[in-house]
């Protein structure tokens, strides 16, 4: 996983994005992951540390759940870093969720 997470391929690979994101996460970050292939990339490459929360739907939701999960986490825990890790399909499904983020001034 280390070699895949540090490659210089063009276009860049999702494993590299996950590895870089992992380094930038705060110790109490809440990571919300969408359903699909993105789930396995996040589970393999993001280094979850004590104090973090890692949420995904399992078999309870289809694509598009990561962004609303992250919005809900930010509302519930406004002082914690909340990250939505979604793929292009899941993002396309719920792009309108950004209107909710703006309405509630989520950052």
PDB file of N, CA and C in Angstrom:
ATOM      1  N   UNK A   1       0.827  -1.193   0.000  1.00  0.00           N
ATOM      2  CA  UNK A   1       0.000   0.000   0.000  1.00  0.00           C
ATOM      3  C   UNK A   1       0.872   1.257   0.000  1.00  0.00           C
ATOM      4  N   UNK A   2       2.046   1.167   0.621  1.00  0.00           N
ATOM      5  CA  UNK A   2       2.915   2.339   0.660  1.00  0.00           C
ATOM      6  C   UNK A   2       3.368   2.744  -0.735  1.00  0.00           C
ATOM      7  N   UNK A   3       3.734   1.770  -1.564  1.00  0.00           N
ATOM      8  CA  UNK A   3       4.186   2.125  -2.910  1.00  0.00           C
ATOM      9  C   UNK A   3       3.040   2.683  -3.750  1.00  0.00           C
ATOM     10  N   UNK A   4       1.845   2.133  -3.585  1.00  0.00           N
ATOM     11  CA  UNK A   4       0.695   2.657  -4.324  1.00  0.00           C
ATOM     12  C   UNK A   4       0.291   4.037  -3.837  1.00  0.00           C
ATOM     13  N   UNK A   5       0.518   4.303  -2.556  1.00  0.00           N
ATOM     14  CA  UNK A   5       0.145   5.590  -1.982  1.00  0.00           C
ATOM     15  C   UNK A   5       1.182   6.672  -2.167  1.00  0.00           C
ATOM     16  N   UNK A   6       2.264   6.347  -2.839  1.00  0.00           N
ATOM     17  CA  UNK A   6       3.301   7.357  -3.057  1.00  0.00           C
ATOM     18  C   UNK A   6       3.727   7.429  -4.525  1.00  0.00           C
ATOM     19  N   UNK A   7       2.933   6.866  -5.401  1.00  0.00           N
ATOM     20  CA  UNK A   7       3.269   6.852  -6.825  1.00  0.00           C
ATOM     21  C   UNK A   7       3.192   8.223  -7.460  1.00  0.00           C
ATOM     22  N   UNK A   8       3.856   8.342  -8.592  1.00  0.00           N
ATOM     23  CA  UNK A   8       3.855   9.607  -9.341  1.00  0.00           C
ATOM     24  C   UNK A   8       3.156   9.448 -10.684  1.00  0.00           C
ATOM     25  N   UNK A   9       2.248   8.471 -10.762  1.00  0.00           N
ATOM     26  CA  UNK A   9       1.533   8.216 -12.006  1.00  0.00           C
ATOM     27  C   UNK A   9       0.721   9.433 -12.435  1.00  0.00           C
ATOM     28  N   UNK A  10       0.512   9.541 -13.728  1.00  0.00           N
ATOM     29  CA  UNK A  10      -0.360  10.570 -14.286  1.00  0.00           C
ATOM     30  C   UNK A  10      -1.402   9.862 -15.129  1.00  0.00           C
ATOM     31  N   UNK A  11      -2.684  10.069 -14.894  1.00  0.00           N
ATOM     32  CA  UNK A  11      -3.236  10.881 -13.824  1.00  0.00           C
ATOM     33  C   UNK A  11      -2.972  10.240 -12.455  1.00  0.00           C
ATOM     34  N   UNK A  12      -3.085  11.054 -11.408  1.00  0.00           N
ATOM     35  CA  UNK A  12      -2.799  10.545 -10.074  1.00  0.00           C
ATOM     36  C   UNK A  12      -3.819   9.478  -9.698  1.00  0.00           C
ATOM     37  N   UNK A  13      -3.422   8.591  -8.839  1.00  0.00           N
ATOM     38  CA  UNK A  13      -4.270   7.486  -8.391  1.00  0.00           C
ATOM     39  C   UNK A  13      -4.957   7.849  -7.077  1.00  0.00           C
ATOM     40  N   UNK A  14      -6.132   7.277  -6.831  1.00  0.00           N
ATOM     41  CA  UNK A  14      -6.852   7.563  -5.584  1.00  0.00           C
ATOM     42  C   UNK A  14      -6.043   7.221  -4.333  1.00  0.00           C
ATOM     43  N   UNK A  15      -5.199   6.214  -4.407  1.00  0.00           N
ATOM     44  CA  UNK A  15      -4.405   5.838  -3.245  1.00  0.00           C
ATOM     45  C   UNK A  15      -3.492   6.974  -2.803  1.00  0.00           C
ATOM     46  N   UNK A  16      -2.958   7.735  -3.745  1.00  0.00           N
ATOM     47  CA  UNK A  16      -2.102   8.868  -3.418  1.00  0.00           C
ATOM     48  C   UNK A  16      -2.903   9.951  -2.698  1.00  0.00           C
ATOM     49  N   UNK A  17      -4.100  10.232  -3.199  1.00  0.00           N
ATOM     50  CA  UNK A  17      -4.954  11.238  -2.567  1.00  0.00           C
ATOM     51  C   UNK A  17      -5.267  10.828  -1.136  1.00  0.00           C
ATOM     52  N   UNK A  18      -5.610   9.561  -0.926  1.00  0.00           N
ATOM     53  CA  UNK A  18      -5.916   9.064   0.422  1.00  0.00           C
ATOM     54  C   UNK A  18      -4.723   9.202   1.353  1.00  0.00           C
ATOM     55  N   UNK A  19      -3.540   8.860   0.857  1.00  0.00           N
ATOM     56  CA  UNK A  19      -2.340   8.915   1.677  1.00  0.00           C
ATOM     57  C   UNK A  19      -2.022  10.351   2.080  1.00  0.00           C
ATOM     58  N   UNK A  20      -2.138  11.269   1.150  1.00  0.00           N
ATOM     59  CA  UNK A  20      -1.880  12.683   1.452  1.00  0.00           C
ATOM     60  C   UNK A  20      -2.925  13.210   2.425  1.00  0.00           C
ATOM     61  N   UNK A  21      -4.180  12.876   2.199  1.00  0.00           N
ATOM     62  CA  UNK A  21      -5.256  13.300   3.104  1.00  0.00           C
ATOM     63  C   UNK A  21      -5.017  12.775   4.513  1.00  0.00           C
ATOM     64  N   UNK A  22      -4.587  11.549   4.622  1.00  0.00           N
ATOM     65  CA  UNK A  22      -4.367  10.918   5.922  1.00  0.00           C
ATOM     66  C   UNK A  22      -3.401  11.723   6.783  1.00  0.00           C
ATOM     67  N   UNK A  23      -2.374  12.263   6.171  1.00  0.00           N
ATOM     68  CA  UNK A  23      -1.377  13.052   6.895  1.00  0.00           C
ATOM     69  C   UNK A  23      -1.975  14.361   7.406  1.00  0.00           C
ATOM     70  N   UNK A  24      -2.914  14.917   6.666  1.00  0.00           N
ATOM     71  CA  UNK A  24      -3.507  16.218   7.005  1.00  0.00           C
ATOM     72  C   UNK A  24      -4.654  16.141   8.013  1.00  0.00           C
ATOM     73  N   UNK A  25      -5.092  14.948   8.361  1.00  0.00           N
ATOM     74  CA  UNK A  25      -6.230  14.799   9.268  1.00  0.00           C
ATOM     75  C   UNK A  25      -5.850  15.139  10.706  1.00  0.00           C
ATOM     76  N   UNK A  26      -6.749  15.847  11.371  1.00  0.00           N
ATOM     77  CA  UNK A  26      -6.547  16.141  12.786  1.00  0.00           C
ATOM     78  C   UNK A  26      -6.799  14.875  13.604  1.00  0.00           C
ATOM     79  N   UNK A  27      -6.273  14.840  14.823  1.00  0.00           N
ATOM     80  CA  UNK A  27      -6.366  13.636  15.647  1.00  0.00           C
ATOM     81  C   UNK A  27      -7.790  13.274  16.049  1.00  0.00           C
ATOM     82  N   UNK A  28      -8.717  14.235  15.989  1.00  0.00           N
ATOM     83  CA  UNK A  28     -10.113  13.926  16.326  1.00  0.00           C
ATOM     84  C   UNK A  28     -11.039  14.075  15.113  1.00  0.00           C
ATOM     85  N   UNK A  29     -10.474  13.948  13.924  1.00  0.00           N
ATOM     86  CA  UNK A  29     -11.241  14.107  12.685  1.00  0.00           C
ATOM     87  C   UNK A  29     -12.353  13.067  12.578  1.00  0.00           C
ATOM     88  N   UNK A  30     -13.400  13.469  11.895  1.00  0.00           N
ATOM     89  CA  UNK A  30     -14.500  12.565  11.572  1.00  0.00           C
ATOM     90  C   UNK A  30     -14.466  12.368  10.065  1.00  0.00           C
ATOM     91  N   UNK A  31     -14.266  11.133   9.646  1.00  0.00           N
ATOM     92  CA  UNK A  31     -14.160  10.811   8.226  1.00  0.00           C
ATOM     93  C   UNK A  31     -15.407  10.058   7.814  1.00  0.00           C
ATOM     94  N   UNK A  32     -16.126  10.593   6.845  1.00  0.00           N
ATOM     95  CA  UNK A  32     -17.342   9.964   6.327  1.00  0.00           C
ATOM     96  C   UNK A  32     -17.058   9.507   4.904  1.00  0.00           C
ATOM     97  N   UNK A  33     -17.273   8.230   4.655  1.00  0.00           N
ATOM     98  CA  UNK A  33     -16.893   7.634   3.385  1.00  0.00           C
ATOM     99  C   UNK A  33     -18.130   7.162   2.635  1.00  0.00           C
ATOM    100  N   UNK A  34     -18.141   7.432   1.352  1.00  0.00           N
ATOM    101  CA  UNK A  34     -19.244   7.030   0.482  1.00  0.00           C
ATOM    102  C   UNK A  34     -19.180   5.534   0.187  1.00  0.00           C
ATOM    103  N   UNK A  35     -20.241   5.026  -0.390  1.00  0.00           N
ATOM    104  CA  UNK A  35     -20.291   3.626  -0.811  1.00  0.00           C
ATOM    105  C   UNK A  35     -19.643   3.473  -2.180  1.00  0.00           C
ATOM    106  N   UNK A  36     -19.098   2.293  -2.429  1.00  0.00           N
ATOM    107  CA  UNK A  36     -18.502   2.002  -3.725  1.00  0.00           C
ATOM    108  C   UNK A  36     -17.023   1.714  -3.597  1.00  0.00           C
ATOM    109  N   UNK A  37     -16.317   1.806  -4.702  1.00  0.00           N
ATOM    110  CA  UNK A  37     -14.887   1.537  -4.731  1.00  0.00           C
ATOM    111  C   UNK A  37     -14.132   2.465  -3.795  1.00  0.00           C
ATOM    112  N   UNK A  38     -14.633   3.678  -3.644  1.00  0.00           N
ATOM    113  CA  UNK A  38     -14.003   4.661  -2.765  1.00  0.00           C
ATOM    114  C   UNK A  38     -13.877   4.141  -1.342  1.00  0.00           C
ATOM    115  N   UNK A  39     -14.802   3.279  -0.930  1.00  0.00           N
ATOM    116  CA  UNK A  39     -14.776   2.709   0.415  1.00  0.00           C
ATOM    117  C   UNK A  39     -13.506   1.895   0.645  1.00  0.00           C
ATOM    118  N   UNK A  40     -13.166   1.052  -0.307  1.00  0.00           N
ATOM    119  CA  UNK A  40     -11.975   0.218  -0.130  1.00  0.00           C
ATOM    120  C   UNK A  40     -10.704   1.052  -0.177  1.00  0.00           C
ATOM    121  N   UNK A  41     -10.641   2.072  -1.026  1.00  0.00           N
ATOM    122  CA  UNK A  41      -9.453   2.925  -1.068  1.00  0.00           C
ATOM    123  C   UNK A  41      -9.268   3.653   0.262  1.00  0.00           C
ATOM    124  N   UNK A  42     -10.356   4.185   0.794  1.00  0.00           N
ATOM    125  CA  UNK A  42     -10.263   4.909   2.066  1.00  0.00           C
ATOM    126  C   UNK A  42      -9.866   3.967   3.196  1.00  0.00           C
ATOM    127  N   UNK A  43     -10.481   2.789   3.243  1.00  0.00           N
ATOM    128  CA  UNK A  43     -10.181   1.834   4.314  1.00  0.00           C
ATOM    129  C   UNK A  43      -8.732   1.363   4.263  1.00  0.00           C
ATOM    130  N   UNK A  44      -8.190   1.248   3.088  1.00  0.00           N
ATOM    131  CA  UNK A  44      -6.814   0.757   2.941  1.00  0.00           C
ATOM    132  C   UNK A  44      -5.765   1.839   3.179  1.00  0.00           C
ATOM    133  N   UNK A  45      -6.051   3.062   2.801  1.00  0.00           N
ATOM    134  CA  UNK A  45      -4.996   4.075   2.739  1.00  0.00           C
ATOM    135  C   UNK A  45      -5.080   5.168   3.795  1.00  0.00           C
ATOM    136  N   UNK A  46      -6.212   5.362   4.423  1.00  0.00           N
ATOM    137  CA  UNK A  46      -6.300   6.401   5.448  1.00  0.00           C
ATOM    138  C   UNK A  46      -5.884   5.791   6.784  1.00  0.00           C
ATOM    139  N   UNK A  47      -4.918   6.411   7.413  1.00  0.00           N
ATOM    140  CA  UNK A  47      -4.420   5.941   8.696  1.00  0.00           C
ATOM    141  C   UNK A  47      -5.320   6.484   9.808  1.00  0.00           C
ATOM    142  N   UNK A  48      -6.202   5.625  10.312  1.00  0.00           N
ATOM    143  CA  UNK A  48      -7.119   6.033  11.378  1.00  0.00           C
ATOM    144  C   UNK A  48      -6.376   5.961  12.705  1.00  0.00           C
ATOM    145  N   UNK A  49      -6.415   7.064  13.443  1.00  0.00           N
ATOM    146  CA  UNK A  49      -5.743   7.141  14.733  1.00  0.00           C
ATOM    147  C   UNK A  49      -6.762   7.212  15.858  1.00  0.00           C
ATOM    148  N   UNK A  50      -6.312   6.896  17.056  1.00  0.00           N
ATOM    149  CA  UNK A  50      -7.181   6.957  18.235  1.00  0.00           C
ATOM    150  C   UNK A  50      -7.798   8.362  18.331  1.00  0.00           C
ATOM    151  N   UNK A  51      -9.090   8.413  18.561  1.00  0.00           N
ATOM    152  CA  UNK A  51      -9.800   9.681  18.657  1.00  0.00           C
ATOM    153  C   UNK A  51     -10.550  10.058  17.393  1.00  0.00           C
ATOM    154  N   UNK A  52     -10.204   9.429  16.284  1.00  0.00           N
ATOM    155  CA  UNK A  52     -10.903   9.688  15.022  1.00  0.00           C
ATOM    156  C   UNK A  52     -12.151   8.817  14.938  1.00  0.00           C
ATOM    157  N   UNK A  53     -13.073   9.243  14.107  1.00  0.00           N
ATOM    158  CA  UNK A  53     -14.250   8.434  13.797  1.00  0.00           C
ATOM    159  C   UNK A  53     -14.261   8.196  12.294  1.00  0.00           C
ATOM    160  N   UNK A  54     -14.528   6.980  11.908  1.00  0.00           N
ATOM    161  CA  UNK A  54     -14.554   6.573  10.503  1.00  0.00           C
ATOM    162  C   UNK A  54     -15.924   5.980  10.234  1.00  0.00           C
ATOM    163  N   UNK A  55     -16.749   6.673   9.455  1.00  0.00           N
ATOM    164  CA  UNK A  55     -18.127   6.240   9.225  1.00  0.00           C
ATOM    165  C   UNK A  55     -18.356   5.890   7.769  1.00  0.00           C
ATOM    166  N   UNK A  56     -19.048   4.792   7.570  1.00  0.00           N
ATOM    167  CA  UNK A  56     -19.508   4.417   6.242  1.00  0.00           C
ATOM    168  C   UNK A  56     -20.803   3.643   6.395  1.00  0.00           C
ATOM    169  N   UNK A  57     -21.488   3.452   5.305  1.00  0.00           N
ATOM    170  CA  UNK A  57     -22.833   2.885   5.400  1.00  0.00           C
ATOM    171  C   UNK A  57     -22.850   1.378   5.560  1.00  0.00           C
ATOM    172  N   UNK A  58     -21.782   0.706   5.200  1.00  0.00           N
ATOM    173  CA  UNK A  58     -21.858  -0.750   5.157  1.00  0.00           C
ATOM    174  C   UNK A  58     -22.839  -1.143   4.070  1.00  0.00           C
ATOM    175  N   UNK A  59     -23.905  -1.795   4.416  1.00  0.00           N
ATOM    176  CA  UNK A  59     -24.931  -2.147   3.432  1.00  0.00           C
ATOM    177  C   UNK A  59     -26.218  -1.363   3.643  1.00  0.00           C
ATOM    178  N   UNK A  60     -26.150  -0.267   4.372  1.00  0.00           N
ATOM    179  CA  UNK A  60     -27.362   0.484   4.707  1.00  0.00           C
ATOM    180  C   UNK A  60     -27.699   1.599   3.722  1.00  0.00           C
ATOM    181  N   UNK A  61     -26.765   1.972   2.871  1.00  0.00           N
ATOM    182  CA  UNK A  61     -27.023   3.062   1.930  1.00  0.00           C
ATOM    183  C   UNK A  61     -26.312   2.767   0.618  1.00  0.00           C
ATOM    184  N   UNK A  62     -26.780   3.420  -0.422  1.00  0.00           N
ATOM    185  CA  UNK A  62     -26.088   3.302  -1.706  1.00  0.00           C
ATOM    186  C   UNK A  62     -25.201   4.530  -1.879  1.00  0.00           C
ATOM    187  N   UNK A  63     -24.689   4.728  -3.081  1.00  0.00           N
ATOM    188  CA  UNK A  63     -23.813   5.867  -3.332  1.00  0.00           C
ATOM    189  C   UNK A  63     -24.487   7.180  -2.955  1.00  0.00           C
ATOM    190  N   UNK A  64     -23.671   8.093  -2.487  1.00  0.00           N
ATOM    191  CA  UNK A  64     -24.176   9.421  -2.170  1.00  0.00           C
ATOM    192  C   UNK A  64     -24.370   9.674  -0.684  1.00  0.00           C
ATOM    193  N   UNK A  65     -23.950   8.773   0.185  1.00  0.00           N
ATOM    194  CA  UNK A  65     -24.185   8.965   1.620  1.00  0.00           C
ATOM    195  C   UNK A  65     -23.054   9.705   2.326  1.00  0.00           C
ATOM    196  N   UNK A  66     -21.854   9.731   1.771  1.00  0.00           N
ATOM    197  CA  UNK A  66     -20.705  10.320   2.456  1.00  0.00           C
ATOM    198  C   UNK A  66     -20.844  11.803   2.743  1.00  0.00           C
ATOM    199  N   UNK A  67     -21.335  12.567   1.793  1.00  0.00           N
ATOM    200  CA  UNK A  67     -21.466  14.007   1.984  1.00  0.00           C
ATOM    201  C   UNK A  67     -22.514  14.368   3.038  1.00  0.00           C
ATOM    202  N   UNK A  68     -23.716  13.770   3.017  1.00  0.00           N
ATOM    203  CA  UNK A  68     -24.671  14.067   4.095  1.00  0.00           C
ATOM    204  C   UNK A  68     -24.174  13.597   5.469  1.00  0.00           C
ATOM    205  N   UNK A  69     -23.449  12.476   5.511  1.00  0.00           N
ATOM    206  CA  UNK A  69     -22.868  12.022   6.780  1.00  0.00           C
ATOM    207  C   UNK A  69     -21.916  13.085   7.327  1.00  0.00           C
ATOM    208  N   UNK A  70     -21.067  13.633   6.453  1.00  0.00           N
ATOM    209  CA  UNK A  70     -20.097  14.641   6.886  1.00  0.00           C
ATOM    210  C   UNK A  70     -20.795  15.922   7.330  1.00  0.00           C
ATOM    211  N   UNK A  71     -21.852  16.317   6.641  1.00  0.00           N
ATOM    212  CA  UNK A  71     -22.610  17.507   7.043  1.00  0.00           C
ATOM    213  C   UNK A  71     -23.226  17.308   8.421  1.00  0.00           C
ATOM    214  N   UNK A  72     -23.819  16.148   8.639  1.00  0.00           N
ATOM    215  CA  UNK A  72     -24.429  15.854   9.947  1.00  0.00           C
ATOM    216  C   UNK A  72     -23.373  15.841  11.045  1.00  0.00           C
ATOM    217  N   UNK A  73     -22.209  15.271  10.755  1.00  0.00           N
ATOM    218  CA  UNK A  73     -21.131  15.238  11.747  1.00  0.00           C
ATOM    219  C   UNK A  73     -20.664  16.648  12.090  1.00  0.00           C
ATOM    220  N   UNK A  74     -20.584  17.528  11.092  1.00  0.00           N
ATOM    221  CA  UNK A  74     -20.145  18.900  11.339  1.00  0.00           C
ATOM    222  C   UNK A  74     -21.155  19.666  12.175  1.00  0.00           C
ATOM    223  N   UNK A  75     -22.435  19.393  11.966  1.00  0.00           N
ATOM    224  CA  UNK A  75     -23.481  20.027  12.782  1.00  0.00           C
ATOM    225  C   UNK A  75     -23.411  19.508  14.214  1.00  0.00           C
ATOM    226  N   UNK A  76     -23.230  18.211  14.374  1.00  0.00           N
ATOM    227  CA  UNK A  76     -23.188  17.608  15.712  1.00  0.00           C
ATOM    228  C   UNK A  76     -21.911  17.975  16.468  1.00  0.00           C
ATOM    229  N   UNK A  77     -20.802  18.109  15.759  1.00  0.00           N
ATOM    230  CA  UNK A  77     -19.502  18.397  16.369  1.00  0.00           C
ATOM    231  C   UNK A  77     -18.833  19.554  15.630  1.00  0.00           C
ATOM    232  N   UNK A  78     -19.306  20.786  15.840  1.00  0.00           N
ATOM    233  CA  UNK A  78     -18.833  21.919  15.035  1.00  0.00           C
ATOM    234  C   UNK A  78     -17.357  22.263  15.191  1.00  0.00           C
ATOM    235  N   UNK A  79     -16.714  21.832  16.249  1.00  0.00           N
ATOM    236  CA  UNK A  79     -15.307  22.181  16.441  1.00  0.00           C
ATOM    237  C   UNK A  79     -14.355  21.126  15.885  1.00  0.00           C
ATOM    238  N   UNK A  80     -14.896  20.016  15.401  1.00  0.00           N
ATOM    239  CA  UNK A  80     -14.047  18.945  14.878  1.00  0.00           C
ATOM    240  C   UNK A  80     -13.972  19.007  13.357  1.00  0.00           C
ATOM    241  N   UNK A  81     -12.864  18.559  12.824  1.00  0.00           N
ATOM    242  CA  UNK A  81     -12.682  18.466  11.377  1.00  0.00           C
ATOM    243  C   UNK A  81     -13.578  17.345  10.851  1.00  0.00           C
ATOM    244  N   UNK A  82     -14.394  17.661   9.856  1.00  0.00           N
ATOM    245  CA  UNK A  82     -15.289  16.670   9.253  1.00  0.00           C
ATOM    246  C   UNK A  82     -14.962  16.565   7.772  1.00  0.00           C
ATOM    247  N   UNK A  83     -14.618  15.361   7.339  1.00  0.00           N
ATOM    248  CA  UNK A  83     -14.177  15.119   5.971  1.00  0.00           C
ATOM    249  C   UNK A  83     -15.146  14.169   5.276  1.00  0.00           C
ATOM    250  N   UNK A  84     -15.571  14.541   4.077  1.00  0.00           N
ATOM    251  CA  UNK A  84     -16.365  13.637   3.239  1.00  0.00           C
ATOM    252  C   UNK A  84     -15.439  13.083   2.172  1.00  0.00           C
ATOM    253  N   UNK A  85     -15.338  11.774   2.133  1.00  0.00           N
ATOM    254  CA  UNK A  85     -14.498  11.142   1.119  1.00  0.00           C
ATOM    255  C   UNK A  85     -15.424  10.425   0.156  1.00  0.00           C
ATOM    256  N   UNK A  86     -15.656  11.043  -0.994  1.00  0.00           N
ATOM    257  CA  UNK A  86     -16.625  10.518  -1.958  1.00  0.00           C
ATOM    258  C   UNK A  86     -15.998  10.427  -3.345  1.00  0.00           C
ATOM    259  N   UNK A  87     -16.537   9.541  -4.133  1.00  0.00           N
ATOM    260  CA  UNK A  87     -16.100   9.415  -5.509  1.00  0.00           C
ATOM    261  C   UNK A  87     -16.896  10.327  -6.421  1.00  0.00           C
ATOM    262  N   UNK A  88     -16.583  10.294  -7.691  1.00  0.00           N
ATOM    263  CA  UNK A  88     -17.264  11.170  -8.639  1.00  0.00           C
ATOM    264  C   UNK A  88     -18.746  10.836  -8.767  1.00  0.00           C
ATOM    265  N   UNK A  89     -19.108   9.564  -8.727  1.00  0.00           N
ATOM    266  CA  UNK A  89     -20.516   9.185  -8.835  1.00  0.00           C
ATOM    267  C   UNK A  89     -21.331   9.650  -7.646  1.00  0.00           C
ATOM    268  N   UNK A  90     -20.818   9.394  -6.442  1.00  0.00           N
ATOM    269  CA  UNK A  90     -21.519   9.821  -5.230  1.00  0.00           C
ATOM    270  C   UNK A  90     -21.632  11.327  -5.142  1.00  0.00           C
ATOM    271  N   UNK A  91     -20.582  12.035  -5.549  1.00  0.00           N
ATOM    272  CA  UNK A  91     -20.624  13.494  -5.531  1.00  0.00           C
ATOM    273  C   UNK A  91     -21.670  14.010  -6.507  1.00  0.00           C
ATOM    274  N   UNK A  92     -21.727  13.402  -7.675  1.00  0.00           N
ATOM    275  CA  UNK A  92     -22.696  13.822  -8.689  1.00  0.00           C
ATOM    276  C   UNK A  92     -24.131  13.634  -8.203  1.00  0.00           C
ATOM    277  N   UNK A  93     -24.364  12.567  -7.474  1.00  0.00           N
ATOM    278  CA  UNK A  93     -25.712  12.289  -6.968  1.00  0.00           C
ATOM    279  C   UNK A  93     -26.181  13.373  -5.994  1.00  0.00           C
ATOM    280  N   UNK A  94     -25.297  13.839  -5.127  1.00  0.00           N
ATOM    281  CA  UNK A  94     -25.719  14.767  -4.072  1.00  0.00           C
ATOM    282  C   UNK A  94     -24.981  16.101  -4.083  1.00  0.00           C
ATOM    283  N   UNK A  95     -24.670  16.606  -5.264  1.00  0.00           N
ATOM    284  CA  UNK A  95     -24.037  17.913  -5.345  1.00  0.00           C
ATOM    285  C   UNK A  95     -24.857  18.981  -4.628  1.00  0.00           C
ATOM    286  N   UNK A  96     -26.169  18.824  -4.654  1.00  0.00           N
ATOM    287  CA  UNK A  96     -27.058  19.786  -4.001  1.00  0.00           C
ATOM    288  C   UNK A  96     -26.866  19.863  -2.501  1.00  0.00           C
ATOM    289  N   UNK A  97     -26.212  18.870  -1.929  1.00  0.00           N
ATOM    290  CA  UNK A  97     -25.934  18.879  -0.486  1.00  0.00           C
ATOM    291  C   UNK A  97     -25.074  20.078  -0.096  1.00  0.00           C
ATOM    292  N   UNK A  98     -24.338  20.619  -1.062  1.00  0.00           N
ATOM    293  CA  UNK A  98     -23.549  21.808  -0.767  1.00  0.00           C
ATOM    294  C   UNK A  98     -24.441  22.993  -0.409  1.00  0.00           C
ATOM    295  N   UNK A  99     -25.652  23.034  -0.923  1.00  0.00           N
ATOM    296  CA  UNK A  99     -26.589  24.090  -0.537  1.00  0.00           C
ATOM    297  C   UNK A  99     -26.887  24.018   0.952  1.00  0.00           C
ATOM    298  N   UNK A 100     -27.006  22.804   1.476  1.00  0.00           N
ATOM    299  CA  UNK A 100     -27.220  22.621   2.914  1.00  0.00           C
ATOM    300  C   UNK A 100     -26.007  23.110   3.698  1.00  0.00           C
ATOM    301  N   UNK A 101     -24.816  22.786   3.225  1.00  0.00           N
ATOM    302  CA  UNK A 101     -23.596  23.220   3.897  1.00  0.00           C
ATOM    303  C   UNK A 101     -23.516  24.741   3.947  1.00  0.00           C
ATOM    304  N   UNK A 102     -23.875  25.409   2.859  1.00  0.00           N
ATOM    305  CA  UNK A 102     -23.865  26.861   2.832  1.00  0.00           C
ATOM    306  C   UNK A 102     -24.933  27.418   3.770  1.00  0.00           C
ATOM    307  N   UNK A 103     -26.115  26.825   3.740  1.00  0.00           N
ATOM    308  CA  UNK A 103     -27.221  27.300   4.577  1.00  0.00           C
ATOM    309  C   UNK A 103     -26.854  27.264   6.065  1.00  0.00           C
ATOM    310  N   UNK A 104     -26.145  26.247   6.487  1.00  0.00           N
ATOM    311  CA  UNK A 104     -25.779  26.088   7.894  1.00  0.00           C
ATOM    312  C   UNK A 104     -24.348  26.541   8.189  1.00  0.00           C
ATOM    313  N   UNK A 105     -23.713  27.199   7.215  1.00  0.00           N
ATOM    314  CA  UNK A 105     -22.379  27.744   7.370  1.00  0.00           C
ATOM    315  C   UNK A 105     -21.380  26.703   7.861  1.00  0.00           C
ATOM    316  N   UNK A 106     -21.426  25.523   7.238  1.00  0.00           N
ATOM    317  CA  UNK A 106     -20.503  24.457   7.596  1.00  0.00           C
ATOM    318  C   UNK A 106     -19.200  24.656   6.859  1.00  0.00           C
ATOM    319  N   UNK A 107     -18.103  24.404   7.520  1.00  0.00           N
ATOM    320  CA  UNK A 107     -16.800  24.593   6.855  1.00  0.00           C
ATOM    321  C   UNK A 107     -15.988  23.322   6.915  1.00  0.00           C
TER     322      UNK A 107
END
